[in-house]
């Protein structure tokens, strides 16, 4: 299983246009036009029957082939935003997609008007040991909507799988003064030590952030 613990920032359309070749830009133009059309029209029967996959969803799957694997996340996120993708489409793309396609869904969640309804996708990703999905799952959407118990377990998941806690959005804000998180981190460290295993350096960093107050202590304090 590929293990990529961090994710690259999503590129804007302008940034993509500057990096893509002519054929890829033309493909992206067509793909975004199809997504925009889908967003502005009522669902209708697709060629091939009422259950045929919308054309922009097919483009979503093909993004890496036409725009390059290094740009696939950004292209897929743009398609989701342009299509105003709702939860049923996101769930379908996530459940039926490859790991890369699932990651792109997770990365785009905070750009869509979903409220907490997409939390089952985040929670599913956090149950995996694929660090690409774990890193994508702890982004801005999780920071905004994941309730405290599951958010704490997401931190432990990062430590357990080796995902840098730098990937966790709003880590300092949500950790500050969290005595329960501090307790869980202490238990996790004790278990590692008892098993003769090293304690991740990131654990100490997060533990320092749990100190109550307006700011975590600095090295000089």
Protein backbone atom coordinates (compact mmCIF):
# COMPACT_ATOMS: atom_id res chain seq x y z
CA UNK A 1 0.00 0.00 0.00
CA UNK A 2 1.47 3.39 -0.89
CA UNK A 3 2.34 5.41 2.17
CA UNK A 4 2.37 9.15 1.60
CA UNK A 5 1.85 10.83 4.98
CA UNK A 6 1.45 14.41 3.78
CA UNK A 7 -0.59 16.11 1.09
CA UNK A 8 0.38 18.90 -1.27
CA UNK A 9 -1.62 22.15 -1.32
CA UNK A 10 -4.42 22.21 -3.85
CA UNK A 11 -3.72 24.42 -6.85
CA UNK A 12 -6.10 27.07 -8.13
CA UNK A 13 -7.39 27.04 -11.70
CA UNK A 14 -4.92 29.79 -12.61
CA UNK A 15 -2.02 27.84 -11.14
CA UNK A 16 -3.07 24.71 -13.00
CA UNK A 17 -3.35 26.59 -16.29
CA UNK A 18 0.22 27.79 -15.82
CA UNK A 19 1.50 24.26 -15.31
CA UNK A 20 -0.59 22.15 -17.66
CA UNK A 21 0.15 21.63 -21.33
CA UNK A 22 -2.28 22.66 -24.04
CA UNK A 23 -4.04 19.31 -24.35
CA UNK A 24 -4.46 18.99 -20.59
CA UNK A 25 -5.84 22.54 -20.33
CA UNK A 26 -8.35 21.81 -23.07
CA UNK A 27 -9.41 18.62 -21.30
CA UNK A 28 -9.81 20.52 -18.04
CA UNK A 29 -11.89 23.22 -19.75
CA UNK A 30 -14.27 20.58 -21.05
CA UNK A 31 -14.40 18.75 -17.72
CA UNK A 32 -15.22 21.90 -15.75
CA UNK A 33 -17.84 22.92 -18.31
CA UNK A 34 -19.55 19.54 -17.85
CA UNK A 35 -19.42 19.94 -14.07
CA UNK A 36 -20.85 23.45 -14.27
CA UNK A 37 -23.63 22.23 -16.55
CA UNK A 38 -24.49 19.47 -14.10
CA UNK A 39 -24.66 21.98 -11.25
CA UNK A 40 -26.98 24.35 -13.11
CA UNK A 41 -29.48 21.80 -14.41
CA UNK A 42 -31.93 19.48 -12.76
CA UNK A 43 -30.86 15.84 -12.82
CA UNK A 44 -32.06 14.20 -15.97
CA UNK A 45 -31.74 10.85 -17.61
CA UNK A 46 -28.24 10.25 -18.90
CA UNK A 47 -27.51 8.48 -22.18
CA UNK A 48 -27.56 4.83 -21.33
CA UNK A 49 -30.34 5.04 -18.77
CA UNK A 50 -31.32 6.85 -15.58
CA UNK A 51 -28.52 5.22 -13.58
CA UNK A 52 -25.66 6.13 -15.90
CA UNK A 53 -22.75 7.96 -14.28
CA UNK A 54 -22.73 11.73 -14.98
CA UNK A 55 -19.99 12.68 -17.42
CA UNK A 56 -18.16 14.91 -14.94
CA UNK A 57 -17.80 11.96 -12.56
CA UNK A 58 -16.11 10.00 -15.33
CA UNK A 59 -13.79 12.99 -15.78
CA UNK A 60 -13.09 12.89 -12.05
CA UNK A 61 -11.79 9.34 -12.32
CA UNK A 62 -9.69 10.17 -15.40
CA UNK A 63 -8.05 13.32 -14.02
CA UNK A 64 -4.66 11.74 -13.38
CA UNK A 65 -4.49 10.25 -16.86
CA UNK A 66 -5.14 13.54 -18.63
CA UNK A 67 -3.64 16.13 -16.28
CA UNK A 68 -0.89 14.16 -14.57
CA UNK A 69 -0.87 12.38 -11.24
CA UNK A 70 0.79 15.36 -9.56
CA UNK A 71 -2.21 17.56 -10.48
CA UNK A 72 -4.99 15.03 -10.00
CA UNK A 73 -6.00 16.16 -6.49
CA UNK A 74 -6.32 19.78 -7.60
CA UNK A 75 -8.26 18.91 -10.75
CA UNK A 76 -10.64 16.63 -8.86
CA UNK A 77 -11.24 19.23 -6.17
CA UNK A 78 -12.08 21.83 -8.83
CA UNK A 79 -14.54 19.42 -10.44
CA UNK A 80 -16.29 18.78 -7.12
CA UNK A 81 -16.61 22.49 -6.42
CA UNK A 82 -17.77 23.34 -9.95
CA UNK A 83 -20.38 20.57 -9.85
CA UNK A 84 -21.56 21.67 -6.39
CA UNK A 85 -21.19 18.01 -5.52
CA UNK A 86 -23.76 16.86 -2.98
CA UNK A 87 -23.33 14.10 -0.43
CA UNK A 88 -24.71 11.26 -2.62
CA UNK A 89 -22.20 12.00 -5.38
CA UNK A 90 -19.34 12.42 -2.92
CA UNK A 91 -20.22 9.15 -1.21
CA UNK A 92 -20.37 7.36 -4.55
CA UNK A 93 -17.02 8.76 -5.67
CA UNK A 94 -15.46 7.89 -2.33
CA UNK A 95 -16.83 4.39 -2.00
CA UNK A 96 -16.20 3.39 -5.61
CA UNK A 97 -12.93 5.26 -6.09
CA UNK A 98 -9.28 4.40 -5.79
CA UNK A 99 -7.29 5.62 -2.80
CA UNK A 100 -6.25 8.68 -4.81
CA UNK A 101 -9.87 9.45 -5.73
CA UNK A 102 -10.93 9.04 -2.10
CA UNK A 103 -8.18 11.38 -0.97
CA UNK A 104 -9.36 14.09 -3.34
CA UNK A 105 -12.90 13.85 -1.97
CA UNK A 106 -11.57 14.33 1.56
CA UNK A 107 -9.39 17.27 0.54
CA UNK A 108 -12.32 19.10 -1.06
CA UNK A 109 -14.94 18.64 1.67
CA UNK A 110 -14.34 22.02 3.32
CA UNK A 111 -14.93 23.77 -0.02
CA UNK A 112 -18.46 22.42 -0.31
CA UNK A 113 -21.64 23.40 1.52
CA UNK A 114 -22.12 20.16 3.44
CA UNK A 115 -22.26 21.02 7.13
CA UNK A 116 -21.39 17.90 9.16
CA UNK A 117 -23.16 15.51 6.76
CA UNK A 118 -19.93 14.17 5.22
CA UNK A 119 -18.41 13.12 8.54
CA UNK A 120 -18.99 9.41 7.76
CA UNK A 121 -16.43 9.74 4.94
CA UNK A 122 -13.88 11.29 7.30
CA UNK A 123 -14.54 8.65 9.93
CA UNK A 124 -14.14 5.88 7.36
CA UNK A 125 -10.77 7.27 6.27
CA UNK A 126 -9.62 7.43 9.88
CA UNK A 127 -10.38 3.73 10.29
CA UNK A 128 -7.87 2.86 7.57
CA UNK A 129 -4.11 2.59 7.88
CA UNK A 130 -3.53 4.36 4.57
CA UNK A 131 -1.61 7.45 5.63
CA UNK A 132 -2.67 9.30 2.48
CA UNK A 133 -6.28 9.07 3.59
CA UNK A 134 -5.55 9.75 7.25
CA UNK A 135 -3.60 12.91 6.38
CA UNK A 136 -6.39 14.12 4.08
CA UNK A 137 -9.06 13.32 6.67
CA UNK A 138 -7.62 15.62 9.36
CA UNK A 139 -7.88 18.79 7.26
CA UNK A 140 -10.15 21.84 7.66
CA UNK A 141 -13.40 19.86 7.37
CA UNK A 142 -12.53 17.62 10.32
CA UNK A 143 -11.32 20.60 12.33
CA UNK A 144 -14.67 22.30 11.82
CA UNK A 145 -17.01 19.34 12.32
CA UNK A 146 -15.39 16.34 14.01
CA UNK A 147 -16.64 16.08 17.57
CA UNK A 148 -14.09 16.05 20.40
CA UNK A 149 -13.97 12.31 21.10
CA UNK A 150 -13.38 11.35 17.48
CA UNK A 151 -10.98 14.25 16.95
CA UNK A 152 -8.81 13.05 19.83
CA UNK A 153 -8.74 9.57 18.35
CA UNK A 154 -7.76 11.11 15.00
CA UNK A 155 -4.69 12.60 16.70
CA UNK A 156 -3.77 9.20 18.11
CA UNK A 157 -4.29 7.69 14.66
CA UNK A 158 -1.78 10.14 13.21
CA UNK A 159 0.75 9.25 15.90
CA UNK A 160 0.16 5.52 15.45
CA UNK A 161 0.47 5.56 11.65
CA UNK A 162 3.28 8.11 11.40
CA UNK A 163 1.28 10.93 9.84
CA UNK A 164 2.96 14.19 10.92
CA UNK A 165 0.66 16.15 13.21
CA UNK A 166 1.48 19.18 11.05
CA UNK A 167 -1.19 17.75 8.74
CA UNK A 168 -3.87 18.32 11.43
CA UNK A 169 -5.75 21.53 10.78
CA UNK A 170 -6.28 23.77 13.84
CA UNK A 171 -4.19 21.43 15.98
CA UNK A 172 -3.10 24.10 18.46
CA UNK A 173 -6.56 25.64 18.79
CA UNK A 174 -8.35 22.36 19.42
CA UNK A 175 -5.65 20.85 21.65
CA UNK A 176 -5.28 23.78 24.02
CA UNK A 177 -6.52 22.98 27.50
CA UNK A 178 -7.78 19.53 26.47
CA UNK A 179 -7.09 17.48 29.62
CA UNK A 180 -8.67 14.36 28.13
CA UNK A 181 -6.38 14.50 25.13
CA UNK A 182 -3.42 14.93 27.48
CA UNK A 183 -4.52 11.84 29.41
CA UNK A 184 -4.89 9.80 26.22
CA UNK A 185 -1.46 10.90 25.01
CA UNK A 186 0.06 9.91 28.34
CA UNK A 187 -1.55 6.48 28.17
CA UNK A 188 -0.35 6.03 24.60
CA UNK A 189 3.21 6.97 25.57
CA UNK A 190 3.15 4.61 28.55
CA UNK A 191 1.98 1.73 26.35
CA UNK A 192 4.79 2.40 23.87
CA UNK A 193 7.41 2.51 26.61
CA UNK A 194 6.08 -0.67 28.23
CA UNK A 195 6.32 -2.42 24.87
CA UNK A 196 9.91 -1.25 24.40
CA UNK A 197 8.97 1.05 21.57
CA UNK A 198 9.94 4.66 21.03
CA UNK A 199 7.54 7.52 21.69
CA UNK A 200 6.91 9.65 18.57
CA UNK A 201 8.41 13.13 18.84
CA UNK A 202 5.09 14.55 17.67
CA UNK A 203 3.44 13.20 20.83
CA UNK A 204 5.45 15.58 23.02
CA UNK A 205 4.59 18.44 20.70
CA UNK A 206 0.85 17.78 21.00
CA UNK A 207 1.11 17.20 24.74
CA UNK A 208 2.72 20.63 25.13
CA UNK A 209 -0.19 22.14 23.21
CA UNK A 210 -2.72 20.75 25.71
CA UNK A 211 -1.46 23.12 28.42
CA UNK A 212 -4.33 25.45 29.39
CA UNK A 213 -4.09 29.11 28.63
CA UNK A 214 -4.08 31.55 25.71
CA UNK A 215 -0.94 30.02 24.26
CA UNK A 216 1.14 26.93 24.66
CA UNK A 217 4.42 27.48 26.55
CA UNK A 218 7.43 28.53 24.55
CA UNK A 219 10.84 26.97 24.90
CA UNK A 220 11.94 29.94 27.06
CA UNK A 221 8.97 29.76 29.45
